[in-house]
PDB file of N, CA and C in Angstrom:
ATOM      1  N   UNK A   1     130.507  20.140 121.069  1.00  0.00           N
ATOM      2  CA  UNK A   1     129.508  20.042 120.031  1.00  0.00           C
ATOM      3  C   UNK A   1     129.078  18.590 119.904  1.00  0.00           C
ATOM      4  N   UNK A   2     127.769  18.362 119.818  1.00  0.00           N
ATOM      5  CA  UNK A   2     127.273  16.988 119.739  1.00  0.00           C
ATOM      6  C   UNK A   2     127.328  16.501 118.304  1.00  0.00           C
ATOM      7  N   UNK A   3     127.483  15.205 118.131  1.00  0.00           N
ATOM      8  CA  UNK A   3     127.506  14.673 116.759  1.00  0.00           C
ATOM      9  C   UNK A   3     126.141  14.827 116.102  1.00  0.00           C
ATOM     10  N   UNK A   4     126.151  15.029 114.822  1.00  0.00           N
ATOM     11  CA  UNK A   4     124.913  15.210 114.071  1.00  0.00           C
ATOM     12  C   UNK A   4     124.432  13.865 113.527  1.00  0.00           C
ATOM     13  N   UNK A   5     123.127  13.710 113.522  1.00  0.00           N
ATOM     14  CA  UNK A   5     122.563  12.508 112.913  1.00  0.00           C
ATOM     15  C   UNK A   5     122.382  12.781 111.426  1.00  0.00           C
ATOM     16  N   UNK A   6     122.240  11.733 110.615  1.00  0.00           N
ATOM     17  CA  UNK A   6     122.049  11.945 109.174  1.00  0.00           C
ATOM     18  C   UNK A   6     120.823  12.783 108.858  1.00  0.00           C
ATOM     19  N   UNK A   7     119.803  12.789 109.737  1.00  0.00           N
ATOM     20  CA  UNK A   7     118.605  13.582 109.448  1.00  0.00           C
ATOM     21  C   UNK A   7     118.839  15.078 109.640  1.00  0.00           C
ATOM     22  N   UNK A   8     119.959  15.446 110.296  1.00  0.00           N
ATOM     23  CA  UNK A   8     120.293  16.859 110.479  1.00  0.00           C
ATOM     24  C   UNK A   8     121.041  17.435 109.287  1.00  0.00           C
ATOM     25  N   UNK A   9     121.286  16.635 108.286  1.00  0.00           N
ATOM     26  CA  UNK A   9     122.055  17.093 107.129  1.00  0.00           C
ATOM     27  C   UNK A   9     121.145  17.172 105.908  1.00  0.00           C
ATOM     28  N   UNK A  10     121.401  18.164 105.069  1.00  0.00           N
ATOM     29  CA  UNK A  10     120.663  18.292 103.809  1.00  0.00           C
ATOM     30  C   UNK A  10     121.201  17.246 102.838  1.00  0.00           C
ATOM     31  N   UNK A  11     120.581  17.090 101.685  1.00  0.00           N
ATOM     32  CA  UNK A  11     121.090  16.115 100.704  1.00  0.00           C
ATOM     33  C   UNK A  11     122.522  16.399 100.275  1.00  0.00           C
ATOM     34  N   UNK A  12     122.984  17.632 100.426  1.00  0.00           N
ATOM     35  CA  UNK A  12     124.357  17.955 100.045  1.00  0.00           C
ATOM     36  C   UNK A  12     125.335  17.722 101.184  1.00  0.00           C
ATOM     37  N   UNK A  13     124.803  17.314 102.359  1.00  0.00           N
ATOM     38  CA  UNK A  13     125.687  17.061 103.491  1.00  0.00           C
ATOM     39  C   UNK A  13     125.874  18.272 104.380  1.00  0.00           C
ATOM     40  N   UNK A  14     125.227  19.374 104.081  1.00  0.00           N
ATOM     41  CA  UNK A  14     125.340  20.576 104.888  1.00  0.00           C
ATOM     42  C   UNK A  14     124.353  20.524 106.043  1.00  0.00           C
ATOM     43  N   UNK A  15     124.691  21.111 107.174  1.00  0.00           N
ATOM     44  CA  UNK A  15     123.760  21.106 108.304  1.00  0.00           C
ATOM     45  C   UNK A  15     122.474  21.837 107.952  1.00  0.00           C
ATOM     46  N   UNK A  16     121.354  21.335 108.490  1.00  0.00           N
ATOM     47  CA  UNK A  16     120.063  21.974 108.298  1.00  0.00           C
ATOM     48  C   UNK A  16     119.572  22.475 109.636  1.00  0.00           C
ATOM     49  N   UNK A  17     118.422  23.093 109.652  1.00  0.00           N
ATOM     50  CA  UNK A  17     117.849  23.562 110.894  1.00  0.00           C
ATOM     51  C   UNK A  17     117.937  25.060 110.998  1.00  0.00           C
ATOM     52  N   UNK A  18     117.670  25.583 112.195  1.00  0.00           N
ATOM     53  CA  UNK A  18     117.588  27.025 112.372  1.00  0.00           C
ATOM     54  C   UNK A  18     118.884  27.636 112.861  1.00  0.00           C
ATOM     55  N   UNK A  19     119.978  26.913 112.828  1.00  0.00           N
ATOM     56  CA  UNK A  19     121.254  27.453 113.286  1.00  0.00           C
ATOM     57  C   UNK A  19     121.743  28.536 112.334  1.00  0.00           C
ATOM     58  N   UNK A  20     122.332  29.562 112.898  1.00  0.00           N
ATOM     59  CA  UNK A  20     122.899  30.637 112.095  1.00  0.00           C
ATOM     60  C   UNK A  20     124.217  30.154 111.537  1.00  0.00           C
ATOM     61  N   UNK A  21     124.409  30.256 110.251  1.00  0.00           N
ATOM     62  CA  UNK A  21     125.625  29.777 109.617  1.00  0.00           C
ATOM     63  C   UNK A  21     126.795  30.722 109.845  1.00  0.00           C
ATOM     64  N   UNK A  22     126.528  31.889 110.409  1.00  0.00           N
ATOM     65  CA  UNK A  22     127.594  32.856 110.593  1.00  0.00           C
ATOM     66  C   UNK A  22     127.752  33.771 109.395  1.00  0.00           C
ATOM     67  N   UNK A  23     127.077  33.453 108.295  1.00  0.00           N
ATOM     68  CA  UNK A  23     127.141  34.283 107.096  1.00  0.00           C
ATOM     69  C   UNK A  23     126.016  35.304 107.148  1.00  0.00           C
ATOM     70  N   UNK A  24     126.236  36.493 106.596  1.00  0.00           N
ATOM     71  CA  UNK A  24     125.149  37.480 106.579  1.00  0.00           C
ATOM     72  C   UNK A  24     123.996  36.980 105.718  1.00  0.00           C
ATOM     73  N   UNK A  25     122.782  37.327 106.126  1.00  0.00           N
ATOM     74  CA  UNK A  25     121.597  36.930 105.371  1.00  0.00           C
ATOM     75  C   UNK A  25     121.616  37.609 104.009  1.00  0.00           C
ATOM     76  N   UNK A  26     121.155  36.880 102.999  1.00  0.00           N
ATOM     77  CA  UNK A  26     121.092  37.457 101.656  1.00  0.00           C
ATOM     78  C   UNK A  26     120.032  38.539 101.647  1.00  0.00           C
ATOM     79  N   UNK A  27     120.375  39.654 101.065  1.00  0.00           N
ATOM     80  CA  UNK A  27     119.439  40.766 100.987  1.00  0.00           C
ATOM     81  C   UNK A  27     118.827  40.781  99.600  1.00  0.00           C
ATOM     82  N   UNK A  28     117.508  40.597  99.541  1.00  0.00           N
ATOM     83  CA  UNK A  28     116.795  40.643  98.281  1.00  0.00           C
ATOM     84  C   UNK A  28     115.989  41.932  98.242  1.00  0.00           C
ATOM     85  N   UNK A  29     116.172  42.742  97.194  1.00  0.00           N
ATOM     86  CA  UNK A  29     115.404  43.982  97.131  1.00  0.00           C
ATOM     87  C   UNK A  29     113.922  43.670  97.032  1.00  0.00           C
ATOM     88  N   UNK A  30     113.088  44.485  97.677  1.00  0.00           N
ATOM     89  CA  UNK A  30     111.650  44.224  97.602  1.00  0.00           C
ATOM     90  C   UNK A  30     111.137  44.409  96.176  1.00  0.00           C
ATOM     91  N   UNK A  31     110.199  43.568  95.795  1.00  0.00           N
ATOM     92  CA  UNK A  31     109.606  43.636  94.463  1.00  0.00           C
ATOM     93  C   UNK A  31     108.190  44.156  94.614  1.00  0.00           C
ATOM     94  N   UNK A  32     107.892  45.234  93.913  1.00  0.00           N
ATOM     95  CA  UNK A  32     106.550  45.794  93.962  1.00  0.00           C
ATOM     96  C   UNK A  32     105.756  45.188  92.816  1.00  0.00           C
ATOM     97  N   UNK A  33     104.948  44.184  93.140  1.00  0.00           N
ATOM     98  CA  UNK A  33     104.173  43.508  92.103  1.00  0.00           C
ATOM     99  C   UNK A  33     102.938  44.304  91.706  1.00  0.00           C
ATOM    100  N   UNK A  34     102.586  45.307  92.489  1.00  0.00           N
ATOM    101  CA  UNK A  34     101.399  46.096  92.183  1.00  0.00           C
ATOM    102  C   UNK A  34     101.773  47.270  91.310  1.00  0.00           C
ATOM    103  N   UNK A  35     101.145  47.371  90.186  1.00  0.00           N
ATOM    104  CA  UNK A  35     101.337  48.515  89.302  1.00  0.00           C
ATOM    105  C   UNK A  35     100.025  49.285  89.317  1.00  0.00           C
ATOM    106  N   UNK A  36     100.045  50.545  89.760  1.00  0.00           N
ATOM    107  CA  UNK A  36      98.786  51.282  89.851  1.00  0.00           C
ATOM    108  C   UNK A  36      98.073  51.395  88.510  1.00  0.00           C
ATOM    109  N   UNK A  37      96.767  51.436  88.583  1.00  0.00           N
ATOM    110  CA  UNK A  37      95.956  51.562  87.379  1.00  0.00           C
ATOM    111  C   UNK A  37      96.241  52.890  86.681  1.00  0.00           C
ATOM    112  N   UNK A  38      96.260  52.851  85.358  1.00  0.00           N
ATOM    113  CA  UNK A  38      96.670  54.029  84.598  1.00  0.00           C
ATOM    114  C   UNK A  38      95.505  54.847  84.060  1.00  0.00           C
ATOM    115  N   UNK A  39      94.414  54.217  83.708  1.00  0.00           N
ATOM    116  CA  UNK A  39      93.309  54.952  83.098  1.00  0.00           C
ATOM    117  C   UNK A  39      93.578  55.232  81.629  1.00  0.00           C
ATOM    118  N   UNK A  40      92.853  56.213  81.106  1.00  0.00           N
ATOM    119  CA  UNK A  40      92.997  56.624  79.713  1.00  0.00           C
ATOM    120  C   UNK A  40      93.467  58.066  79.674  1.00  0.00           C
ATOM    121  N   UNK A  41      94.009  58.523  78.543  1.00  0.00           N
ATOM    122  CA  UNK A  41      94.417  59.925  78.456  1.00  0.00           C
ATOM    123  C   UNK A  41      93.230  60.847  78.748  1.00  0.00           C
ATOM    124  N   UNK A  42      93.350  61.645  79.793  1.00  0.00           N
ATOM    125  CA  UNK A  42      92.297  62.571  80.178  1.00  0.00           C
ATOM    126  C   UNK A  42      91.164  61.944  80.971  1.00  0.00           C
ATOM    127  N   UNK A  43      91.207  60.633  81.187  1.00  0.00           N
ATOM    128  CA  UNK A  43      90.149  59.942  81.947  1.00  0.00           C
ATOM    129  C   UNK A  43      90.826  59.076  83.019  1.00  0.00           C
ATOM    130  N   UNK A  44      90.987  59.597  84.225  1.00  0.00           N
ATOM    131  CA  UNK A  44      91.640  58.797  85.262  1.00  0.00           C
ATOM    132  C   UNK A  44      90.734  57.671  85.763  1.00  0.00           C
ATOM    133  N   UNK A  45      91.350  56.686  86.381  1.00  0.00           N
ATOM    134  CA  UNK A  45      90.599  55.592  86.993  1.00  0.00           C
ATOM    135  C   UNK A  45      89.648  56.173  88.027  1.00  0.00           C
ATOM    136  N   UNK A  46      88.430  55.627  88.096  1.00  0.00           N
ATOM    137  CA  UNK A  46      87.421  56.117  89.024  1.00  0.00           C
ATOM    138  C   UNK A  46      86.427  57.070  88.384  1.00  0.00           C
ATOM    139  N   UNK A  47      86.676  57.466  87.139  1.00  0.00           N
ATOM    140  CA  UNK A  47      85.793  58.388  86.430  1.00  0.00           C
ATOM    141  C   UNK A  47      84.561  57.651  85.914  1.00  0.00           C
ATOM    142  N   UNK A  48      83.410  58.301  85.982  1.00  0.00           N
ATOM    143  CA  UNK A  48      82.191  57.760  85.399  1.00  0.00           C
ATOM    144  C   UNK A  48      82.310  57.876  83.879  1.00  0.00           C
ATOM    145  N   UNK A  49      82.124  56.754  83.172  1.00  0.00           N
ATOM    146  CA  UNK A  49      82.329  56.735  81.721  1.00  0.00           C
ATOM    147  C   UNK A  49      81.147  56.068  81.034  1.00  0.00           C
ATOM    148  N   UNK A  50      81.076  56.261  79.716  1.00  0.00           N
ATOM    149  CA  UNK A  50      80.115  55.560  78.875  1.00  0.00           C
ATOM    150  C   UNK A  50      80.895  54.810  77.808  1.00  0.00           C
ATOM    151  N   UNK A  51      80.531  53.561  77.641  1.00  0.00           N
ATOM    152  CA  UNK A  51      81.070  52.754  76.550  1.00  0.00           C
ATOM    153  C   UNK A  51      80.139  52.995  75.370  1.00  0.00           C
ATOM    154  N   UNK A  52      80.535  53.866  74.447  1.00  0.00           N
ATOM    155  CA  UNK A  52      79.643  54.258  73.357  1.00  0.00           C
ATOM    156  C   UNK A  52      79.361  53.112  72.396  1.00  0.00           C
ATOM    157  N   UNK A  53      80.176  52.065  72.420  1.00  0.00           N
ATOM    158  CA  UNK A  53      79.922  50.910  71.560  1.00  0.00           C
ATOM    159  C   UNK A  53      78.692  50.140  72.029  1.00  0.00           C
ATOM    160  N   UNK A  54      78.423  50.156  73.346  1.00  0.00           N
ATOM    161  CA  UNK A  54      77.282  49.407  73.880  1.00  0.00           C
ATOM    162  C   UNK A  54      76.248  50.312  74.539  1.00  0.00           C
ATOM    163  N   UNK A  55      76.612  51.564  74.856  1.00  0.00           N
ATOM    164  CA  UNK A  55      75.718  52.477  75.549  1.00  0.00           C
ATOM    165  C   UNK A  55      75.716  52.300  77.059  1.00  0.00           C
ATOM    166  N   UNK A  56      76.484  51.354  77.566  1.00  0.00           N
ATOM    167  CA  UNK A  56      76.513  51.102  79.009  1.00  0.00           C
ATOM    168  C   UNK A  56      77.348  52.158  79.725  1.00  0.00           C
ATOM    169  N   UNK A  57      76.974  52.449  80.976  1.00  0.00           N
ATOM    170  CA  UNK A  57      77.703  53.409  81.798  1.00  0.00           C
ATOM    171  C   UNK A  57      78.306  52.689  82.995  1.00  0.00           C
ATOM    172  N   UNK A  58      79.445  53.183  83.446  1.00  0.00           N
ATOM    173  CA  UNK A  58      80.087  52.584  84.599  1.00  0.00           C
ATOM    174  C   UNK A  58      81.284  53.393  85.034  1.00  0.00           C
ATOM    175  N   UNK A  59      82.015  52.844  85.980  1.00  0.00           N
ATOM    176  CA  UNK A  59      83.210  53.482  86.517  1.00  0.00           C
ATOM    177  C   UNK A  59      84.435  52.818  85.913  1.00  0.00           C
ATOM    178  N   UNK A  60      85.339  53.612  85.359  1.00  0.00           N
ATOM    179  CA  UNK A  60      86.572  53.080  84.781  1.00  0.00           C
ATOM    180  C   UNK A  60      87.433  52.531  85.904  1.00  0.00           C
ATOM    181  N   UNK A  61      87.770  51.257  85.835  1.00  0.00           N
ATOM    182  CA  UNK A  61      88.565  50.603  86.878  1.00  0.00           C
ATOM    183  C   UNK A  61      90.027  50.459  86.493  1.00  0.00           C
ATOM    184  N   UNK A  62      90.316  50.192  85.233  1.00  0.00           N
ATOM    185  CA  UNK A  62      91.705  50.002  84.815  1.00  0.00           C
ATOM    186  C   UNK A  62      91.753  49.907  83.297  1.00  0.00           C
ATOM    187  N   UNK A  63      92.924  50.134  82.742  1.00  0.00           N
ATOM    188  CA  UNK A  63      93.186  49.944  81.317  1.00  0.00           C
ATOM    189  C   UNK A  63      94.577  49.347  81.211  1.00  0.00           C
ATOM    190  N   UNK A  64      94.676  48.184  80.579  1.00  0.00           N
ATOM    191  CA  UNK A  64      95.996  47.582  80.405  1.00  0.00           C
ATOM    192  C   UNK A  64      95.975  46.587  79.257  1.00  0.00           C
ATOM    193  N   UNK A  65      97.157  46.228  78.741  1.00  0.00           N
ATOM    194  CA  UNK A  65      97.220  45.222  77.679  1.00  0.00           C
ATOM    195  C   UNK A  65      96.872  43.854  78.257  1.00  0.00           C
ATOM    196  N   UNK A  66      95.853  43.237  77.718  1.00  0.00           N
ATOM    197  CA  UNK A  66      95.371  41.953  78.205  1.00  0.00           C
ATOM    198  C   UNK A  66      95.736  40.862  77.216  1.00  0.00           C
ATOM    199  N   UNK A  67      96.250  39.774  77.746  1.00  0.00           N
ATOM    200  CA  UNK A  67      96.593  38.628  76.912  1.00  0.00           C
ATOM    201  C   UNK A  67      95.825  37.426  77.444  1.00  0.00           C
ATOM    202  N   UNK A  68      94.883  36.933  76.668  1.00  0.00           N
ATOM    203  CA  UNK A  68      94.102  35.787  77.123  1.00  0.00           C
ATOM    204  C   UNK A  68      94.946  34.527  77.055  1.00  0.00           C
ATOM    205  N   UNK A  69      94.552  33.530  77.834  1.00  0.00           N
ATOM    206  CA  UNK A  69      95.314  32.287  77.868  1.00  0.00           C
ATOM    207  C   UNK A  69      95.340  31.601  76.510  1.00  0.00           C
ATOM    208  N   UNK A  70      94.273  31.734  75.727  1.00  0.00           N
ATOM    209  CA  UNK A  70      94.267  31.096  74.414  1.00  0.00           C
ATOM    210  C   UNK A  70      95.099  31.862  73.393  1.00  0.00           C
ATOM    211  N   UNK A  71      95.651  33.006  73.789  1.00  0.00           N
ATOM    212  CA  UNK A  71      96.502  33.787  72.883  1.00  0.00           C
ATOM    213  C   UNK A  71      97.966  33.390  73.020  1.00  0.00           C
ATOM    214  N   UNK A  72      98.259  32.468  73.944  1.00  0.00           N
ATOM    215  CA  UNK A  72      99.646  32.038  74.132  1.00  0.00           C
ATOM    216  C   UNK A  72     100.134  31.334  72.873  1.00  0.00           C
ATOM    217  N   UNK A  73     101.427  31.430  72.618  1.00  0.00           N
ATOM    218  CA  UNK A  73     101.953  30.849  71.373  1.00  0.00           C
ATOM    219  C   UNK A  73     101.750  29.331  71.305  1.00  0.00           C
ATOM    220  N   UNK A  74     101.401  28.885  70.129  1.00  0.00           N
ATOM    221  CA  UNK A  74     101.305  27.464  69.827  1.00  0.00           C
ATOM    222  C   UNK A  74     102.478  27.168  68.908  1.00  0.00           C
ATOM    223  N   UNK A  75     103.210  26.106  69.177  1.00  0.00           N
ATOM    224  CA  UNK A  75     104.353  25.806  68.302  1.00  0.00           C
ATOM    225  C   UNK A  75     103.957  25.828  66.830  1.00  0.00           C
ATOM    226  N   UNK A  76     104.680  26.595  66.059  1.00  0.00           N
ATOM    227  CA  UNK A  76     104.433  26.697  64.627  1.00  0.00           C
ATOM    228  C   UNK A  76     103.490  27.815  64.223  1.00  0.00           C
ATOM    229  N   UNK A  77     102.827  28.455  65.191  1.00  0.00           N
ATOM    230  CA  UNK A  77     101.910  29.547  64.881  1.00  0.00           C
ATOM    231  C   UNK A  77     102.402  30.832  65.533  1.00  0.00           C
ATOM    232  N   UNK A  78     102.177  31.993  64.902  1.00  0.00           N
ATOM    233  CA  UNK A  78     102.593  33.249  65.528  1.00  0.00           C
ATOM    234  C   UNK A  78     101.722  33.562  66.745  1.00  0.00           C
ATOM    235  N   UNK A  79     102.316  34.208  67.738  1.00  0.00           N
ATOM    236  CA  UNK A  79     101.582  34.591  68.950  1.00  0.00           C
ATOM    237  C   UNK A  79     100.672  35.776  68.650  1.00  0.00           C
ATOM    238  N   UNK A  80      99.499  35.777  69.256  1.00  0.00           N
ATOM    239  CA  UNK A  80      98.585  36.906  69.123  1.00  0.00           C
ATOM    240  C   UNK A  80      99.049  37.999  70.080  1.00  0.00           C
ATOM    241  N   UNK A  81      99.163  39.248  69.632  1.00  0.00           N
ATOM    242  CA  UNK A  81      99.655  40.311  70.531  1.00  0.00           C
ATOM    243  C   UNK A  81      98.618  40.636  71.604  1.00  0.00           C
ATOM    244  N   UNK A  82      99.089  41.148  72.753  1.00  0.00           N
ATOM    245  CA  UNK A  82      98.140  41.574  73.786  1.00  0.00           C
ATOM    246  C   UNK A  82      97.220  42.668  73.249  1.00  0.00           C
ATOM    247  N   UNK A  83      96.013  42.738  73.794  1.00  0.00           N
ATOM    248  CA  UNK A  83      95.008  43.706  73.344  1.00  0.00           C
ATOM    249  C   UNK A  83      94.734  44.683  74.479  1.00  0.00           C
ATOM    250  N   UNK A  84      94.762  45.973  74.180  1.00  0.00           N
ATOM    251  CA  UNK A  84      94.478  46.988  75.189  1.00  0.00           C
ATOM    252  C   UNK A  84      92.986  46.973  75.498  1.00  0.00           C
ATOM    253  N   UNK A  85      92.634  46.792  76.783  1.00  0.00           N
ATOM    254  CA  UNK A  85      91.235  46.736  77.196  1.00  0.00           C
ATOM    255  C   UNK A  85      90.981  47.679  78.354  1.00  0.00           C
ATOM    256  N   UNK A  86      89.796  48.272  78.354  1.00  0.00           N
ATOM    257  CA  UNK A  86      89.328  49.073  79.487  1.00  0.00           C
ATOM    258  C   UNK A  86      88.407  48.184  80.315  1.00  0.00           C
ATOM    259  N   UNK A  87      88.615  48.182  81.629  1.00  0.00           N
ATOM    260  CA  UNK A  87      87.774  47.425  82.543  1.00  0.00           C
ATOM    261  C   UNK A  87      86.829  48.409  83.221  1.00  0.00           C
ATOM    262  N   UNK A  88      85.530  48.170  83.091  1.00  0.00           N
ATOM    263  CA  UNK A  88      84.512  49.110  83.565  1.00  0.00           C
ATOM    264  C   UNK A  88      83.544  48.371  84.495  1.00  0.00           C
ATOM    265  N   UNK A  89      83.252  48.979  85.650  1.00  0.00           N
ATOM    266  CA  UNK A  89      82.294  48.416  86.601  1.00  0.00           C
ATOM    267  C   UNK A  89      80.980  49.166  86.475  1.00  0.00           C
ATOM    268  N   UNK A  90      79.857  48.462  86.410  1.00  0.00           N
ATOM    269  CA  UNK A  90      78.556  49.135  86.278  1.00  0.00           C
ATOM    270  C   UNK A  90      78.258  50.057  87.460  1.00  0.00           C
ATOM    271  N   UNK A  91      77.515  51.118  87.197  1.00  0.00           N
ATOM    272  CA  UNK A  91      77.077  52.024  88.255  1.00  0.00           C
ATOM    273  C   UNK A  91      76.191  51.218  89.204  1.00  0.00           C
ATOM    274  N   UNK A  92      76.431  51.319  90.493  1.00  0.00           N
ATOM    275  CA  UNK A  92      75.646  50.578  91.476  1.00  0.00           C
ATOM    276  C   UNK A  92      76.174  49.184  91.744  1.00  0.00           C
ATOM    277  N   UNK A  93      77.261  48.788  91.095  1.00  0.00           N
ATOM    278  CA  UNK A  93      77.849  47.471  91.323  1.00  0.00           C
ATOM    279  C   UNK A  93      77.445  46.468  90.267  1.00  0.00           C
ATOM    280  N   UNK A  94      78.027  45.319  90.340  1.00  0.00           N
ATOM    281  CA  UNK A  94      77.744  44.273  89.363  1.00  0.00           C
ATOM    282  C   UNK A  94      79.020  43.768  88.741  1.00  0.00           C
ATOM    283  N   UNK A  95      78.880  42.995  87.701  1.00  0.00           N
ATOM    284  CA  UNK A  95      80.027  42.384  87.040  1.00  0.00           C
ATOM    285  C   UNK A  95      80.688  43.372  86.084  1.00  0.00           C
ATOM    286  N   UNK A  96      81.999  43.501  86.208  1.00  0.00           N
ATOM    287  CA  UNK A  96      82.749  44.372  85.290  1.00  0.00           C
ATOM    288  C   UNK A  96      82.666  43.814  83.878  1.00  0.00           C
ATOM    289  N   UNK A  97      82.848  44.700  82.923  1.00  0.00           N
ATOM    290  CA  UNK A  97      82.974  44.254  81.547  1.00  0.00           C
ATOM    291  C   UNK A  97      84.197  44.921  80.955  1.00  0.00           C
ATOM    292  N   UNK A  98      84.662  44.360  79.855  1.00  0.00           N
ATOM    293  CA  UNK A  98      85.801  44.937  79.172  1.00  0.00           C
ATOM    294  C   UNK A  98      85.314  45.600  77.901  1.00  0.00           C
ATOM    295  N   UNK A  99      86.053  46.617  77.496  1.00  0.00           N
ATOM    296  CA  UNK A  99      85.677  47.360  76.292  1.00  0.00           C
ATOM    297  C   UNK A  99      86.944  47.847  75.596  1.00  0.00           C
ATOM    298  N   UNK A 100      86.827  48.017  74.301  1.00  0.00           N
ATOM    299  CA  UNK A 100      87.886  48.675  73.561  1.00  0.00           C
ATOM    300  C   UNK A 100      87.965  50.102  74.099  1.00  0.00           C
ATOM    301  N   UNK A 101      89.162  50.597  74.454  1.00  0.00           N
ATOM    302  CA  UNK A 101      89.242  51.937  75.049  1.00  0.00           C
ATOM    303  C   UNK A 101      88.872  53.079  74.110  1.00  0.00           C
ATOM    304  N   UNK A 102      88.883  52.851  72.802  1.00  0.00           N
ATOM    305  CA  UNK A 102      88.582  53.916  71.847  1.00  0.00           C
ATOM    306  C   UNK A 102      87.218  54.568  72.054  1.00  0.00           C
ATOM    307  N   UNK A 103      86.145  53.789  72.152  1.00  0.00           N
ATOM    308  CA  UNK A 103      84.819  54.397  72.304  1.00  0.00           C
ATOM    309  C   UNK A 103      84.420  54.735  73.740  1.00  0.00           C
ATOM    310  N   UNK A 104      85.342  54.642  74.685  1.00  0.00           N
ATOM    311  CA  UNK A 104      85.020  54.975  76.073  1.00  0.00           C
ATOM    312  C   UNK A 104      85.214  56.475  76.283  1.00  0.00           C
ATOM    313  N   UNK A 105      84.155  57.161  76.745  1.00  0.00           N
ATOM    314  CA  UNK A 105      84.214  58.599  76.959  1.00  0.00           C
ATOM    315  C   UNK A 105      83.781  58.916  78.390  1.00  0.00           C
ATOM    316  N   UNK A 106      84.349  59.999  78.935  1.00  0.00           N
ATOM    317  CA  UNK A 106      83.986  60.440  80.282  1.00  0.00           C
ATOM    318  C   UNK A 106      82.614  61.112  80.252  1.00  0.00           C
ATOM    319  N   UNK A 107      81.831  60.887  81.311  1.00  0.00           N
ATOM    320  CA  UNK A 107      80.547  61.556  81.447  1.00  0.00           C
ATOM    321  C   UNK A 107      80.727  62.821  82.286  1.00  0.00           C
ATOM    322  N   UNK A 108      79.921  63.858  81.997  1.00  0.00           N
ATOM    323  CA  UNK A 108      80.071  65.100  82.769  1.00  0.00           C
ATOM    324  C   UNK A 108      79.636  64.924  84.212  1.00  0.00           C
TER     325      UNK A 108
END
């Protein structure tokens, strides 16, 4: 075995590089960061809907509790709770908008 130079050692003095240490690799369970869109009760994602508060029509893309960056806690003030929002894409494409899920209804 050849002598190691100081650059072959980590700050803790352990060997670095691609050599196998002889120990089994740590097994980390896979994390599924994607949570499928839930929709609304009786209105699945992909359904054509109308936002009755604005009269706009679109496709329901997702519904989830949204927490804006300005809702993060400020020392000394209570945190604002997340707000449930429906994300709707206009028919034919365009910029999505958010809506309170209460007035969102499915179109026939």
